[in-house]
Amino acid sequence: MIGPRALRRSLIALAATCLSGAAMAQDRPVEAQIDALRECRELTDEARRLACYDAATAPLLAAIEDGSAQVVSREEVEETRRGLFGFTMPKLGLFSSDDDEIDLLESTITNVRSGRRSYEFTIEEGSVWQINSVPMRLRPPEVGDPVVLKKASLGSYFVRIDGQTGVKGKRVR
C-alpha cells in the first residue's frame, strides 16, 4: 500500500507534468488544478486530505484517460526537443522556458547522400540536413561521423562534421 507521503508526491508530480490539455478538458486553468492540490496538502485530517486529493486529481486523471492530456518525462521532452532541432516552432510553452532552448546539437550521422557540391545527411534523431556549396577543403561526411549543429543567424545553422571547419547548412526534413 502506498503511504500518504508517497501518494501526495505522486499526485503532485502527476499534476505538475500534465500538459494544458487537462485544463482545457475541464475548463479550468492548470494553475487552479495545481492550487487545489496544494490546498489538499495543507489539510491535517487524513480523511479530509484524501477526499481533497481524490476530488483534485479526478479532472487530471480523466483528461489522461480520455487522451486530452499526457504525462511525459523530462527525458521524453528532451528527446522531442532534440528531434525538433532545426525547425522553427511556435512559442506554446510546452517545453518550459526559453532559457532551456537548444542552440547546439551534438549527434552522429546515420546516412549520407552526396550531390554536385552538396551533401544531405541524416542524424540519429532522424532529421535530415543539407549543406550546399561545399568548400573543397571539407572531407565528405561518412556514416558514423560525429556532427555538431549550431544555430546561426537568419534561420541558418553551422554544421561541423568530425571536427572540421563549420559550414553553413539547413534542416530539410
C-alpha atoms as a PDB file:
ATOM      1  CA  MET A   1       0.000   0.000   0.000  1.00  0.00           C
ATOM      2  CA  ILE A   2       1.229   3.483  -0.806  1.00  0.00           C
ATOM      3  CA  GLY A   3       1.792   5.729   2.172  1.00  0.00           C
ATOM      4  CA  PRO A   4       0.222   9.202   2.389  1.00  0.00           C
ATOM      5  CA  ARG A   5       3.529  10.930   1.725  1.00  0.00           C
ATOM      6  CA  ALA A   6       4.329   8.842  -1.377  1.00  0.00           C
ATOM      7  CA  LEU A   7       0.752   9.254  -2.615  1.00  0.00           C
ATOM      8  CA  ARG A   8       0.973  13.008  -2.143  1.00  0.00           C
ATOM      9  CA  ARG A   9       4.282  13.205  -4.036  1.00  0.00           C
ATOM     10  CA  SER A  10       2.966  11.021  -6.852  1.00  0.00           C
ATOM     11  CA  LEU A  11      -0.165  13.091  -7.249  1.00  0.00           C
ATOM     12  CA  ILE A  12       1.730  16.369  -7.232  1.00  0.00           C
ATOM     13  CA  ALA A  13       4.207  15.014  -9.793  1.00  0.00           C
ATOM     14  CA  LEU A  14       1.321  13.791 -11.933  1.00  0.00           C
ATOM     15  CA  ALA A  15      -0.363  17.170 -11.838  1.00  0.00           C
ATOM     16  CA  ALA A  16       2.847  19.063 -12.491  1.00  0.00           C
ATOM     17  CA  THR A  17       3.706  17.036 -15.579  1.00  0.00           C
ATOM     18  CA  CYS A  18       0.292  17.113 -17.253  1.00  0.00           C
ATOM     19  CA  LEU A  19       0.071  19.330 -20.284  1.00  0.00           C
ATOM     20  CA  SER A  20      -2.521  22.031 -20.693  1.00  0.00           C
ATOM     21  CA  GLY A  21      -4.971  19.586 -22.281  1.00  0.00           C
ATOM     22  CA  ALA A  22      -6.226  18.604 -18.847  1.00  0.00           C
ATOM     23  CA  ALA A  23      -7.183  22.163 -18.088  1.00  0.00           C
ATOM     24  CA  MET A  24      -8.919  22.633 -21.418  1.00  0.00           C
ATOM     25  CA  ALA A  25     -10.904  19.439 -20.902  1.00  0.00           C
ATOM     26  CA  GLN A  26     -12.264  20.692 -17.592  1.00  0.00           C
ATOM     27  CA  ASP A  27     -12.483  24.423 -18.424  1.00  0.00           C
ATOM     28  CA  ARG A  28     -10.149  25.178 -15.516  1.00  0.00           C
ATOM     29  CA  PRO A  29      -6.681  26.649 -15.830  1.00  0.00           C
ATOM     30  CA  VAL A  30      -3.801  24.366 -14.896  1.00  0.00           C
ATOM     31  CA  GLU A  31      -2.772  26.730 -12.121  1.00  0.00           C
ATOM     32  CA  ALA A  32      -6.164  26.283 -10.451  1.00  0.00           C
ATOM     33  CA  GLN A  33      -5.783  22.499 -10.514  1.00  0.00           C
ATOM     34  CA  ILE A  34      -2.278  22.716  -9.066  1.00  0.00           C
ATOM     35  CA  ASP A  35      -3.512  25.169  -6.427  1.00  0.00           C
ATOM     36  CA  ALA A  36      -6.244  22.694  -5.491  1.00  0.00           C
ATOM     37  CA  LEU A  37      -3.576  20.041  -4.915  1.00  0.00           C
ATOM     38  CA  ARG A  38      -1.561  22.469  -2.803  1.00  0.00           C
ATOM     39  CA  GLU A  39      -4.625  23.208  -0.694  1.00  0.00           C
ATOM     40  CA  CYS A  40      -5.095  19.475  -0.124  1.00  0.00           C
ATOM     41  CA  ARG A  41      -1.526  19.211   1.078  1.00  0.00           C
ATOM     42  CA  GLU A  42      -2.279  21.740   3.833  1.00  0.00           C
ATOM     43  CA  LEU A  43      -5.086  19.655   5.356  1.00  0.00           C
ATOM     44  CA  THR A  44      -4.111  17.844   8.553  1.00  0.00           C
ATOM     45  CA  ASP A  45      -7.053  15.443   8.844  1.00  0.00           C
ATOM     46  CA  GLU A  46      -6.079  12.394   6.770  1.00  0.00           C
ATOM     47  CA  ALA A  47      -9.624  11.530   5.667  1.00  0.00           C
ATOM     48  CA  ARG A  48     -10.314  15.098   4.510  1.00  0.00           C
ATOM     49  CA  ARG A  49      -6.905  15.288   2.811  1.00  0.00           C
ATOM     50  CA  LEU A  50      -7.547  12.036   0.934  1.00  0.00           C
ATOM     51  CA  ALA A  51     -11.016  13.213  -0.130  1.00  0.00           C
ATOM     52  CA  CYS A  52      -9.497  16.511  -1.255  1.00  0.00           C
ATOM     53  CA  TYR A  53      -6.840  14.718  -3.313  1.00  0.00           C
ATOM     54  CA  ASP A  54      -9.486  12.455  -4.846  1.00  0.00           C
ATOM     55  CA  ALA A  55     -11.516  15.498  -5.921  1.00  0.00           C
ATOM     56  CA  ALA A  56      -8.481  17.469  -7.128  1.00  0.00           C
ATOM     57  CA  THR A  57      -6.984  14.643  -9.174  1.00  0.00           C
ATOM     58  CA  ALA A  58     -10.215  13.445 -10.797  1.00  0.00           C
ATOM     59  CA  PRO A  59     -10.125  16.043 -13.632  1.00  0.00           C
ATOM     60  CA  LEU A  60      -6.446  15.352 -14.301  1.00  0.00           C
ATOM     61  CA  LEU A  61      -6.893  11.595 -14.381  1.00  0.00           C
ATOM     62  CA  ALA A  62      -9.996  11.889 -16.579  1.00  0.00           C
ATOM     63  CA  ALA A  63      -8.068  14.024 -19.073  1.00  0.00           C
ATOM     64  CA  ILE A  64      -5.239  11.488 -19.169  1.00  0.00           C
ATOM     65  CA  GLU A  65      -7.647   8.588 -19.638  1.00  0.00           C
ATOM     66  CA  ASP A  66      -9.566  10.272 -22.475  1.00  0.00           C
ATOM     67  CA  GLY A  67      -6.326  11.279 -24.204  1.00  0.00           C
ATOM     68  CA  SER A  68      -6.705  15.048 -23.929  1.00  0.00           C
ATOM     69  CA  ALA A  69      -3.629  15.206 -21.672  1.00  0.00           C
ATOM     70  CA  GLN A  70      -0.483  13.158 -21.481  1.00  0.00           C
ATOM     71  CA  VAL A  71       2.142  12.712 -18.800  1.00  0.00           C
ATOM     72  CA  VAL A  72       5.648  12.983 -20.200  1.00  0.00           C
ATOM     73  CA  SER A  73       9.011  12.578 -18.549  1.00  0.00           C
ATOM     74  CA  ARG A  74      11.778  15.126 -18.715  1.00  0.00           C
ATOM     75  CA  GLU A  75      13.732  12.666 -20.887  1.00  0.00           C
ATOM     76  CA  GLU A  76      10.847  12.444 -23.385  1.00  0.00           C
ATOM     77  CA  VAL A  77      10.662  16.232 -23.578  1.00  0.00           C
ATOM     78  CA  GLU A  78      14.418  16.436 -24.186  1.00  0.00           C
ATOM     79  CA  GLU A  79      14.236  13.741 -26.877  1.00  0.00           C
ATOM     80  CA  THR A  80      11.401  15.613 -28.600  1.00  0.00           C
ATOM     81  CA  ARG A  81      13.320  18.893 -28.444  1.00  0.00           C
ATOM     82  CA  ARG A  82      16.364  17.216 -29.996  1.00  0.00           C
ATOM     83  CA  GLY A  83      14.180  15.769 -32.745  1.00  0.00           C
ATOM     84  CA  LEU A  84      12.666  19.186 -33.476  1.00  0.00           C
ATOM     85  CA  PHE A  85      16.033  20.976 -33.505  1.00  0.00           C
ATOM     86  CA  GLY A  86      16.301  22.985 -36.711  1.00  0.00           C
ATOM     87  CA  PHE A  87      12.594  23.686 -37.066  1.00  0.00           C
ATOM     88  CA  THR A  88      11.038  26.979 -36.060  1.00  0.00           C
ATOM     89  CA  MET A  89       8.334  26.182 -33.553  1.00  0.00           C
ATOM     90  CA  PRO A  90       5.635  28.497 -32.189  1.00  0.00           C
ATOM     91  CA  LYS A  91       6.039  29.516 -28.558  1.00  0.00           C
ATOM     92  CA  LEU A  92       3.415  27.295 -26.921  1.00  0.00           C
ATOM     93  CA  GLY A  93       5.014  26.940 -23.509  1.00  0.00           C
ATOM     94  CA  LEU A  94       5.158  23.159 -23.887  1.00  0.00           C
ATOM     95  CA  PHE A  95       8.895  22.910 -23.404  1.00  0.00           C
ATOM     96  CA  SER A  96       9.232  25.181 -20.362  1.00  0.00           C
ATOM     97  CA  SER A  97      11.189  28.422 -20.568  1.00  0.00           C
ATOM     98  CA  ASP A  98      13.208  29.840 -23.436  1.00  0.00           C
ATOM     99  CA  ASP A  99      16.280  29.523 -21.199  1.00  0.00           C
ATOM    100  CA  ASP A 100      16.233  25.795 -21.925  1.00  0.00           C
ATOM    101  CA  GLU A 101      16.091  26.295 -25.700  1.00  0.00           C
ATOM    102  CA  ILE A 102      18.650  24.193 -27.524  1.00  0.00           C
ATOM    103  CA  ASP A 103      21.188  26.231 -29.525  1.00  0.00           C
ATOM    104  CA  LEU A 104      23.586  23.384 -30.207  1.00  0.00           C
ATOM    105  CA  LEU A 105      23.020  19.725 -31.001  1.00  0.00           C
ATOM    106  CA  GLU A 106      25.701  17.050 -31.000  1.00  0.00           C
ATOM    107  CA  SER A 107      24.784  13.880 -32.844  1.00  0.00           C
ATOM    108  CA  THR A 108      26.026  11.160 -35.185  1.00  0.00           C
ATOM    109  CA  ILE A 109      25.500  10.805 -38.928  1.00  0.00           C
ATOM    110  CA  THR A 110      23.461   7.709 -39.840  1.00  0.00           C
ATOM    111  CA  ASN A 111      23.044   8.192 -43.605  1.00  0.00           C
ATOM    112  CA  VAL A 112      24.735  10.317 -46.300  1.00  0.00           C
ATOM    113  CA  ARG A 113      23.730  11.259 -49.840  1.00  0.00           C
ATOM    114  CA  SER A 114      26.016  13.354 -51.985  1.00  0.00           C
ATOM    115  CA  GLY A 115      25.134  15.552 -54.907  1.00  0.00           C
ATOM    116  CA  ARG A 116      27.009  18.019 -57.026  1.00  0.00           C
ATOM    117  CA  ARG A 117      28.794  20.215 -54.463  1.00  0.00           C
ATOM    118  CA  SER A 118      26.228  19.341 -51.793  1.00  0.00           C
ATOM    119  CA  TYR A 119      25.598  16.744 -49.116  1.00  0.00           C
ATOM    120  CA  GLU A 120      22.418  15.595 -47.484  1.00  0.00           C
ATOM    121  CA  PHE A 121      22.774  13.595 -44.296  1.00  0.00           C
ATOM    122  CA  THR A 122      20.554  12.079 -41.638  1.00  0.00           C
ATOM    123  CA  ILE A 123      21.439  12.175 -37.950  1.00  0.00           C
ATOM    124  CA  GLU A 124      20.486   9.681 -35.250  1.00  0.00           C
ATOM    125  CA  GLU A 125      17.487  11.801 -34.152  1.00  0.00           C
ATOM    126  CA  GLY A 126      16.003  11.230 -37.626  1.00  0.00           C
ATOM    127  CA  SER A 127      16.303  14.750 -39.009  1.00  0.00           C
ATOM    128  CA  VAL A 128      17.766  15.363 -42.464  1.00  0.00           C
ATOM    129  CA  TRP A 129      20.245  18.200 -43.034  1.00  0.00           C
ATOM    130  CA  GLN A 130      21.738  19.690 -46.177  1.00  0.00           C
ATOM    131  CA  ILE A 131      24.903  21.625 -46.901  1.00  0.00           C
ATOM    132  CA  ASN A 132      25.268  23.331 -50.288  1.00  0.00           C
ATOM    133  CA  SER A 133      28.245  24.983 -51.955  1.00  0.00           C
ATOM    134  CA  VAL A 134      30.579  22.688 -50.073  1.00  0.00           C
ATOM    135  CA  PRO A 135      34.140  24.027 -49.878  1.00  0.00           C
ATOM    136  CA  MET A 136      36.820  21.822 -51.432  1.00  0.00           C
ATOM    137  CA  ARG A 137      38.642  21.547 -48.086  1.00  0.00           C
ATOM    138  CA  LEU A 138      35.692  19.736 -46.478  1.00  0.00           C
ATOM    139  CA  ARG A 139      36.190  15.987 -46.239  1.00  0.00           C
ATOM    140  CA  PRO A 140      32.999  14.194 -47.313  1.00  0.00           C
ATOM    141  CA  PRO A 141      30.816  13.138 -44.390  1.00  0.00           C
ATOM    142  CA  GLU A 142      30.574   9.436 -43.617  1.00  0.00           C
ATOM    143  CA  VAL A 143      28.160   7.307 -41.625  1.00  0.00           C
ATOM    144  CA  GLY A 144      29.292   7.293 -38.003  1.00  0.00           C
ATOM    145  CA  ASP A 145      30.929  10.741 -38.120  1.00  0.00           C
ATOM    146  CA  PRO A 146      30.113  12.995 -35.178  1.00  0.00           C
ATOM    147  CA  VAL A 147      28.319  16.188 -36.163  1.00  0.00           C
ATOM    148  CA  VAL A 148      27.699  19.425 -34.273  1.00  0.00           C
ATOM    149  CA  LEU A 149      24.812  21.623 -35.405  1.00  0.00           C
ATOM    150  CA  LYS A 150      24.773  25.158 -34.034  1.00  0.00           C
ATOM    151  CA  LYS A 151      22.183  27.884 -34.540  1.00  0.00           C
ATOM    152  CA  ALA A 152      23.440  30.789 -36.630  1.00  0.00           C
ATOM    153  CA  SER A 153      21.699  33.929 -37.849  1.00  0.00           C
ATOM    154  CA  LEU A 154      18.587  34.203 -40.001  1.00  0.00           C
ATOM    155  CA  GLY A 155      17.466  30.615 -39.507  1.00  0.00           C
ATOM    156  CA  SER A 156      20.665  29.029 -40.750  1.00  0.00           C
ATOM    157  CA  TYR A 157      22.973  26.646 -38.915  1.00  0.00           C
ATOM    158  CA  PHE A 158      26.680  25.963 -38.715  1.00  0.00           C
ATOM    159  CA  VAL A 159      27.426  22.315 -39.373  1.00  0.00           C
ATOM    160  CA  ARG A 160      30.712  20.910 -38.077  1.00  0.00           C
ATOM    161  CA  ILE A 161      31.386  17.352 -39.225  1.00  0.00           C
ATOM    162  CA  ASP A 162      34.024  15.284 -37.435  1.00  0.00           C
ATOM    163  CA  GLY A 163      35.795  18.349 -36.007  1.00  0.00           C
ATOM    164  CA  GLN A 164      36.304  20.040 -39.388  1.00  0.00           C
ATOM    165  CA  THR A 165      35.670  23.717 -40.043  1.00  0.00           C
ATOM    166  CA  GLY A 166      31.979  24.561 -39.786  1.00  0.00           C
ATOM    167  CA  VAL A 167      29.942  25.202 -42.918  1.00  0.00           C
ATOM    168  CA  LYS A 168      26.503  26.719 -43.391  1.00  0.00           C
ATOM    169  CA  GLY A 169      23.633  24.237 -43.562  1.00  0.00           C
ATOM    170  CA  LYS A 170      19.902  23.843 -43.075  1.00  0.00           C
ATOM    171  CA  ARG A 171      17.414  21.246 -41.969  1.00  0.00           C
ATOM    172  CA  VAL A 172      15.321  19.933 -44.849  1.00  0.00           C
ATOM    173  CA  ARG A 173      13.218  17.230 -43.110  1.00  0.00           C
END
